[in-house]
Amino acid sequence: MTLNQQAPKFWNTRRNEKARRIESVQAVAQGKVLPTNPVTVILETLIASGDRVVLEGNN
């Protein structure tokens, strides 16, 4: 008789992915404030395909 072995489940994949993305921007960031010059590069690093993005404006 053989047992079905499954890979372990990770319940914090979203939290780990968020931490990885934030760490990738820490080299450019100055604390919690992001410089305005490389904002395009920062956003391209933080936002991945399939992410939901909400834009708000002050009309």
N, C-alpha and C. Protein backbone atom coordinates (compact mmCIF):
# COMPACT_ATOMS: atom_id res chain seq x y z
N MET A 1 0.84 -1.17 0.00
CA MET A 1 0.00 0.00 0.00
C MET A 1 0.89 1.24 0.00
N THR A 2 0.58 2.19 -0.87
CA THR A 2 1.35 3.43 -0.93
C THR A 2 0.53 4.57 -0.34
N LEU A 3 1.21 5.49 0.29
CA LEU A 3 0.55 6.66 0.87
C LEU A 3 0.73 7.85 -0.07
N ASN A 4 -0.32 8.62 -0.20
CA ASN A 4 -0.22 9.85 -0.99
C ASN A 4 0.42 10.93 -0.12
N GLN A 5 1.57 11.39 -0.53
CA GLN A 5 2.24 12.45 0.20
C GLN A 5 2.06 13.75 -0.55
N GLN A 6 1.57 14.73 0.17
CA GLN A 6 1.35 16.04 -0.44
C GLN A 6 2.40 17.00 0.07
N ALA A 7 2.68 17.99 -0.74
CA ALA A 7 3.60 19.03 -0.30
C ALA A 7 2.95 19.81 0.84
N PRO A 8 3.75 20.33 1.76
CA PRO A 8 3.17 21.08 2.87
C PRO A 8 2.46 22.34 2.38
N LYS A 9 1.37 22.69 3.03
CA LYS A 9 0.63 23.89 2.65
C LYS A 9 1.18 25.09 3.40
N PHE A 10 1.28 26.18 2.70
CA PHE A 10 1.72 27.43 3.30
C PHE A 10 0.52 28.37 3.33
N TRP A 11 0.17 28.81 4.51
CA TRP A 11 -1.03 29.62 4.69
C TRP A 11 -0.75 31.11 4.68
N ASN A 12 0.49 31.49 4.52
CA ASN A 12 0.83 32.91 4.56
C ASN A 12 1.55 33.36 3.28
N THR A 13 1.15 32.82 2.15
CA THR A 13 1.83 33.14 0.90
C THR A 13 1.64 34.61 0.51
N ARG A 14 0.47 35.17 0.74
CA ARG A 14 0.25 36.58 0.41
C ARG A 14 1.12 37.49 1.28
N ARG A 15 1.20 37.16 2.56
CA ARG A 15 2.02 37.96 3.48
C ARG A 15 3.49 37.88 3.09
N ASN A 16 3.96 36.69 2.73
CA ASN A 16 5.35 36.53 2.32
C ASN A 16 5.64 37.28 1.02
N GLU A 17 4.72 37.23 0.08
CA GLU A 17 4.91 37.94 -1.19
C GLU A 17 4.93 39.44 -0.97
N LYS A 18 4.05 39.95 -0.11
CA LYS A 18 4.03 41.39 0.20
C LYS A 18 5.35 41.82 0.84
N ALA A 19 5.85 41.03 1.77
CA ALA A 19 7.12 41.35 2.42
C ALA A 19 8.27 41.34 1.42
N ARG A 20 8.24 40.37 0.49
CA ARG A 20 9.30 40.30 -0.53
C ARG A 20 9.28 41.53 -1.43
N ARG A 21 8.09 41.98 -1.83
CA ARG A 21 7.99 43.15 -2.70
C ARG A 21 8.45 44.41 -1.98
N ILE A 22 8.06 44.56 -0.72
CA ILE A 22 8.46 45.75 0.03
C ILE A 22 9.97 45.77 0.25
N GLU A 23 10.56 44.62 0.54
CA GLU A 23 12.01 44.55 0.71
C GLU A 23 12.75 44.90 -0.57
N SER A 24 12.16 44.58 -1.73
CA SER A 24 12.83 44.88 -2.99
C SER A 24 12.87 46.37 -3.28
N VAL A 25 12.02 47.15 -2.62
CA VAL A 25 11.98 48.60 -2.84
C VAL A 25 12.74 49.35 -1.74
N GLN A 26 13.09 48.68 -0.66
CA GLN A 26 13.76 49.34 0.46
C GLN A 26 15.08 49.98 0.07
N ALA A 27 15.76 49.48 -0.95
CA ALA A 27 17.03 50.07 -1.38
C ALA A 27 16.82 51.48 -1.94
N VAL A 28 15.66 51.72 -2.53
CA VAL A 28 15.36 53.02 -3.13
C VAL A 28 14.66 53.94 -2.13
N ALA A 29 13.89 53.35 -1.24
CA ALA A 29 13.08 54.14 -0.30
C ALA A 29 13.95 54.77 0.78
N GLN A 30 13.47 55.89 1.28
CA GLN A 30 14.12 56.57 2.40
C GLN A 30 13.18 56.47 3.58
N GLY A 31 13.20 55.32 4.24
CA GLY A 31 12.24 55.06 5.31
C GLY A 31 10.90 54.73 4.69
N LYS A 32 9.86 55.42 5.14
CA LYS A 32 8.53 55.19 4.57
C LYS A 32 8.22 56.12 3.42
N VAL A 33 9.13 57.07 3.13
CA VAL A 33 8.92 58.05 2.07
C VAL A 33 9.63 57.58 0.81
N LEU A 34 8.91 57.58 -0.29
CA LEU A 34 9.49 57.19 -1.57
C LEU A 34 9.86 58.43 -2.37
N PRO A 35 11.04 58.44 -2.99
CA PRO A 35 11.40 59.57 -3.83
C PRO A 35 10.54 59.61 -5.08
N THR A 36 10.33 60.79 -5.62
CA THR A 36 9.43 60.93 -6.78
C THR A 36 10.10 60.63 -8.11
N ASN A 37 11.41 60.72 -8.19
CA ASN A 37 12.09 60.49 -9.47
C ASN A 37 11.89 59.07 -10.00
N PRO A 38 12.18 58.02 -9.22
CA PRO A 38 12.03 56.67 -9.77
C PRO A 38 10.68 56.03 -9.45
N VAL A 39 9.62 56.84 -9.38
CA VAL A 39 8.32 56.29 -8.97
C VAL A 39 7.80 55.26 -9.97
N THR A 40 8.09 55.42 -11.24
CA THR A 40 7.65 54.45 -12.25
C THR A 40 8.32 53.09 -12.01
N VAL A 41 9.61 53.11 -11.74
CA VAL A 41 10.34 51.87 -11.49
C VAL A 41 9.83 51.22 -10.20
N ILE A 42 9.55 52.02 -9.19
CA ILE A 42 9.04 51.49 -7.92
C ILE A 42 7.69 50.82 -8.13
N LEU A 43 6.80 51.47 -8.85
CA LEU A 43 5.47 50.90 -9.08
C LEU A 43 5.56 49.62 -9.92
N GLU A 44 6.44 49.60 -10.90
CA GLU A 44 6.61 48.40 -11.71
C GLU A 44 7.16 47.25 -10.88
N THR A 45 7.94 47.56 -9.85
CA THR A 45 8.47 46.53 -8.96
C THR A 45 7.40 46.02 -8.02
N LEU A 46 6.57 46.92 -7.50
CA LEU A 46 5.57 46.55 -6.51
C LEU A 46 4.35 45.86 -7.09
N ILE A 47 3.92 46.29 -8.28
CA ILE A 47 2.69 45.77 -8.87
C ILE A 47 3.03 44.63 -9.82
N ALA A 48 2.41 43.49 -9.59
CA ALA A 48 2.64 42.31 -10.44
C ALA A 48 1.41 42.03 -11.28
N SER A 49 1.57 41.23 -12.28
CA SER A 49 0.46 40.84 -13.14
C SER A 49 -0.61 40.14 -12.32
N GLY A 50 -1.85 40.57 -12.48
CA GLY A 50 -2.96 39.96 -11.75
C GLY A 50 -3.33 40.71 -10.48
N ASP A 51 -2.55 41.71 -10.09
CA ASP A 51 -2.87 42.50 -8.91
C ASP A 51 -4.04 43.42 -9.19
N ARG A 52 -4.80 43.71 -8.15
CA ARG A 52 -5.88 44.69 -8.26
C ARG A 52 -5.35 46.04 -7.81
N VAL A 53 -5.58 47.05 -8.61
CA VAL A 53 -5.09 48.39 -8.31
C VAL A 53 -6.27 49.34 -8.27
N VAL A 54 -6.33 50.16 -7.22
CA VAL A 54 -7.40 51.15 -7.08
C VAL A 54 -6.75 52.52 -7.16
N LEU A 55 -7.26 53.34 -8.06
CA LEU A 55 -6.77 54.71 -8.19
C LEU A 55 -7.82 55.67 -7.66
N GLU A 56 -7.39 56.57 -6.81
CA GLU A 56 -8.30 57.57 -6.27
C GLU A 56 -7.77 58.94 -6.63
N GLY A 57 -8.66 59.86 -6.79
CA GLY A 57 -8.26 61.21 -7.10
C GLY A 57 -9.13 62.22 -6.37
N ASN A 58 -8.66 63.42 -6.32
CA ASN A 58 -9.40 64.49 -5.69
C ASN A 58 -9.93 65.39 -6.80
N ASN A 59 -11.19 65.19 -7.13
CA ASN A 59 -11.75 65.96 -8.24
C ASN A 59 -12.31 67.25 -7.74
